[in-house]
Structure formats: C-alpha cells, structure tokens
Amino acid sequence: MSLARKFNASAFARWINSPAGRVFRVAAGSAFAIAGLRHRRTAAGKAALIWSVFPLSAGGLDLCWISGALGGPLRGAACRADANRLTESGGLALASSPSRTPSARVSAGPP
C-alpha cells in the first residue's frame, strides 16, 4: 500500500477531509492571514501571509495538499473515496491485524 493511501485511510486524514476539517482549515488559514496582515512589515508576518494560502485553498477548494505531496489524489473527494475503498475492502484491517504484530507471534512458553 502506498504512503498516500495509508495517509488517506488515517483518522487524521479522514477528519481533515471531512466538512468539519474543511471549516477548520478555512478558519486556520484566516487566522494566519489576519496575523500576517497585522504584522505585514515583519518577516514573520510575510511568512504567515504566504502560509495562509495553503489552508485557505485546501479548505475552500476541497484540496488535500498532504496527499498530493505523497503522490496521492489532490482533490478531497478523491481522498475520501480512496479511504472508503480501503476500509470497505478490508485493506486497512489487514494492516492493523493483531496476527501481524510481533507480540502476537511470541509464544508464552514452551510448546
């Protein structure tokens, strides 16, 4: 499974690509923009203004920059569909199966 697909199936990615996550990204981007405008004459203010483009565009346009950077889909709808396919097919359950953990293979005593 690719790194992007693992990310898209994570609880964080599922939340950040949800409607609540989109609202959070717009709010965070707005906060960075406001802070950047208030301190626009400083390097930190300029950096905040530039940085605000990422969460604002991600929330406003339903984009997932992290998934795109990992080689996955950029559109939020595609990220959600990718995560849903993994959980429905059981791909995510296989990765976290107790039988695959090292502690499950260690015997408690002699056979």
C-alpha atoms as a PDB file:
ATOM      1  CA  MET A   1       0.000   0.000   0.000  1.00  0.00           C
ATOM      2  CA  SER A   2       1.402   3.411  -0.955  1.00  0.00           C
ATOM      3  CA  LEU A   3       2.208   6.069   1.584  1.00  0.00           C
ATOM      4  CA  ALA A   4      -0.542   8.324   0.182  1.00  0.00           C
ATOM      5  CA  ARG A   5      -3.163   5.575   0.540  1.00  0.00           C
ATOM      6  CA  LYS A   6      -2.054   4.905   4.122  1.00  0.00           C
ATOM      7  CA  PHE A   7      -2.329   8.603   4.876  1.00  0.00           C
ATOM      8  CA  ASN A   8      -5.787   8.889   3.271  1.00  0.00           C
ATOM      9  CA  ALA A   9      -7.018   5.977   5.395  1.00  0.00           C
ATOM     10  CA  SER A  10      -5.704   7.505   8.653  1.00  0.00           C
ATOM     11  CA  ALA A  11      -8.065   9.010  11.200  1.00  0.00           C
ATOM     12  CA  PHE A  12      -6.404  12.420  10.800  1.00  0.00           C
ATOM     13  CA  ALA A  13      -6.859  12.452   7.015  1.00  0.00           C
ATOM     14  CA  ARG A  14     -10.463  11.294   7.301  1.00  0.00           C
ATOM     15  CA  TRP A  15     -11.155  14.154   9.743  1.00  0.00           C
ATOM     16  CA  ILE A  16      -9.247  16.848   7.856  1.00  0.00           C
ATOM     17  CA  ASN A  17     -11.096  15.938   4.621  1.00  0.00           C
ATOM     18  CA  SER A  18     -14.493  15.968   6.371  1.00  0.00           C
ATOM     19  CA  PRO A  19     -16.757  19.055   6.406  1.00  0.00           C
ATOM     20  CA  ALA A  20     -15.558  19.879   9.940  1.00  0.00           C
ATOM     21  CA  GLY A  21     -11.947  19.630   8.778  1.00  0.00           C
ATOM     22  CA  ARG A  22     -12.644  21.955   5.869  1.00  0.00           C
ATOM     23  CA  VAL A  23     -14.120  24.544   8.250  1.00  0.00           C
ATOM     24  CA  PHE A  24     -11.061  24.162  10.477  1.00  0.00           C
ATOM     25  CA  ARG A  25      -8.691  24.685   7.525  1.00  0.00           C
ATOM     26  CA  VAL A  26     -10.520  27.834   6.417  1.00  0.00           C
ATOM     27  CA  ALA A  27     -10.505  29.155   9.998  1.00  0.00           C
ATOM     28  CA  ALA A  28      -6.798  28.374  10.428  1.00  0.00           C
ATOM     29  CA  GLY A  29      -5.958  29.963   7.088  1.00  0.00           C
ATOM     30  CA  SER A  30      -7.971  33.044   8.008  1.00  0.00           C
ATOM     31  CA  ALA A  31      -6.147  33.295  11.327  1.00  0.00           C
ATOM     32  CA  PHE A  32      -2.769  33.098   9.567  1.00  0.00           C
ATOM     33  CA  ALA A  33      -3.893  35.747   7.066  1.00  0.00           C
ATOM     34  CA  ILE A  34      -5.130  38.099   9.791  1.00  0.00           C
ATOM     35  CA  ALA A  35      -1.934  37.654  11.807  1.00  0.00           C
ATOM     36  CA  GLY A  36       0.101  38.196   8.651  1.00  0.00           C
ATOM     37  CA  LEU A  37      -1.772  41.387   7.813  1.00  0.00           C
ATOM     38  CA  ARG A  38      -1.362  42.729  11.331  1.00  0.00           C
ATOM     39  CA  HIS A  39       2.391  42.080  11.209  1.00  0.00           C
ATOM     40  CA  ARG A  40       2.968  42.549   7.485  1.00  0.00           C
ATOM     41  CA  ARG A  41       6.067  44.673   7.956  1.00  0.00           C
ATOM     42  CA  THR A  42       7.936  41.817   9.660  1.00  0.00           C
ATOM     43  CA  ALA A  43       9.377  38.640   8.159  1.00  0.00           C
ATOM     44  CA  ALA A  44       7.070  36.518  10.331  1.00  0.00           C
ATOM     45  CA  GLY A  45       4.040  38.459   9.115  1.00  0.00           C
ATOM     46  CA  LYS A  46       5.013  37.955   5.488  1.00  0.00           C
ATOM     47  CA  ALA A  47       5.600  34.259   6.148  1.00  0.00           C
ATOM     48  CA  ALA A  48       2.158  33.963   7.803  1.00  0.00           C
ATOM     49  CA  LEU A  49       0.526  35.636   4.805  1.00  0.00           C
ATOM     50  CA  ILE A  50       2.244  33.271   2.385  1.00  0.00           C
ATOM     51  CA  TRP A  51       1.484  30.218   4.565  1.00  0.00           C
ATOM     52  CA  SER A  52      -2.209  31.167   4.833  1.00  0.00           C
ATOM     53  CA  VAL A  53      -2.627  30.308   1.137  1.00  0.00           C
ATOM     54  CA  PHE A  54      -2.271  26.577   1.875  1.00  0.00           C
ATOM     55  CA  PRO A  55      -5.036  26.061   4.473  1.00  0.00           C
ATOM     56  CA  LEU A  56      -7.325  28.609   2.788  1.00  0.00           C
ATOM     57  CA  SER A  57      -7.043  26.931  -0.602  1.00  0.00           C
ATOM     58  CA  ALA A  58      -7.266  23.454   0.931  1.00  0.00           C
ATOM     59  CA  GLY A  59     -10.445  24.266   2.837  1.00  0.00           C
ATOM     60  CA  GLY A  60     -12.057  26.491   0.245  1.00  0.00           C
ATOM     61  CA  LEU A  61     -11.333  24.309  -2.781  1.00  0.00           C
ATOM     62  CA  ASP A  62     -11.535  20.905  -1.020  1.00  0.00           C
ATOM     63  CA  LEU A  63      -7.880  20.039  -1.635  1.00  0.00           C
ATOM     64  CA  CYS A  64      -5.544  17.836   0.383  1.00  0.00           C
ATOM     65  CA  TRP A  65      -2.015  19.127  -0.106  1.00  0.00           C
ATOM     66  CA  ILE A  66      -0.504  16.361   2.070  1.00  0.00           C
ATOM     67  CA  SER A  67      -1.997  13.563  -0.029  1.00  0.00           C
ATOM     68  CA  GLY A  68      -0.888  15.336  -3.203  1.00  0.00           C
ATOM     69  CA  ALA A  69       2.657  15.714  -1.855  1.00  0.00           C
ATOM     70  CA  LEU A  70       2.725  11.984  -1.045  1.00  0.00           C
ATOM     71  CA  GLY A  71       1.730  11.094  -4.611  1.00  0.00           C
ATOM     72  CA  GLY A  72      -1.966  10.553  -3.953  1.00  0.00           C
ATOM     73  CA  PRO A  73      -5.041  12.409  -5.141  1.00  0.00           C
ATOM     74  CA  LEU A  74      -5.177  16.151  -4.585  1.00  0.00           C
ATOM     75  CA  ARG A  75      -8.974  16.532  -4.543  1.00  0.00           C
ATOM     76  CA  GLY A  76     -10.644  15.914  -1.181  1.00  0.00           C
ATOM     77  CA  ALA A  77     -13.432  13.868  -2.756  1.00  0.00           C
ATOM     78  CA  ALA A  78     -10.867  11.517  -4.297  1.00  0.00           C
ATOM     79  CA  CYS A  79      -9.083  11.191  -0.930  1.00  0.00           C
ATOM     80  CA  ARG A  80     -12.356  10.277   0.778  1.00  0.00           C
ATOM     81  CA  ALA A  81     -13.200   7.751  -1.946  1.00  0.00           C
ATOM     82  CA  ASP A  82      -9.723   6.220  -1.630  1.00  0.00           C
ATOM     83  CA  ALA A  83     -10.119   5.876   2.146  1.00  0.00           C
ATOM     84  CA  ASN A  84     -13.610   4.391   1.778  1.00  0.00           C
ATOM     85  CA  ARG A  85     -12.361   1.790  -0.736  1.00  0.00           C
ATOM     86  CA  LEU A  86      -9.621   0.740   1.666  1.00  0.00           C
ATOM     87  CA  THR A  87     -11.895   0.318   4.658  1.00  0.00           C
ATOM     88  CA  GLU A  88     -14.609  -1.481   2.639  1.00  0.00           C
ATOM     89  CA  SER A  89     -12.126  -3.895   1.075  1.00  0.00           C
ATOM     90  CA  GLY A  90     -10.545  -4.645   4.436  1.00  0.00           C
ATOM     91  CA  GLY A  91      -7.161  -3.286   3.356  1.00  0.00           C
ATOM     92  CA  LEU A  92      -6.924  -1.152   6.446  1.00  0.00           C
ATOM     93  CA  ALA A  93      -7.934  -4.013   8.743  1.00  0.00           C
ATOM     94  CA  LEU A  94      -5.125  -6.192   7.396  1.00  0.00           C
ATOM     95  CA  ALA A  95      -2.532  -3.578   8.232  1.00  0.00           C
ATOM     96  CA  SER A  96      -3.638  -3.413  11.862  1.00  0.00           C
ATOM     97  CA  SER A  97      -4.468  -7.085  12.351  1.00  0.00           C
ATOM     98  CA  PRO A  98      -3.267  -8.469  15.713  1.00  0.00           C
ATOM     99  CA  SER A  99      -1.866 -11.555  13.990  1.00  0.00           C
ATOM    100  CA  ARG A 100       0.656  -9.380  12.154  1.00  0.00           C
ATOM    101  CA  THR A 101       2.094  -7.703  15.228  1.00  0.00           C
ATOM    102  CA  PRO A 102       5.379  -9.065  16.628  1.00  0.00           C
ATOM    103  CA  SER A 103       3.900  -9.537  20.099  1.00  0.00           C
ATOM    104  CA  ALA A 104       1.211 -11.874  18.736  1.00  0.00           C
ATOM    105  CA  ARG A 105       3.851 -14.240  17.353  1.00  0.00           C
ATOM    106  CA  VAL A 106       5.833 -14.570  20.573  1.00  0.00           C
ATOM    107  CA  SER A 107       4.885 -17.713  22.434  1.00  0.00           C
ATOM    108  CA  ALA A 108       4.091 -17.577  26.145  1.00  0.00           C
ATOM    109  CA  GLY A 109       6.071 -20.688  26.926  1.00  0.00           C
ATOM    110  CA  PRO A 110       7.340 -23.993  25.564  1.00  0.00           C
ATOM    111  CA  PRO A 111       5.090 -25.728  23.038  1.00  0.00           C
END
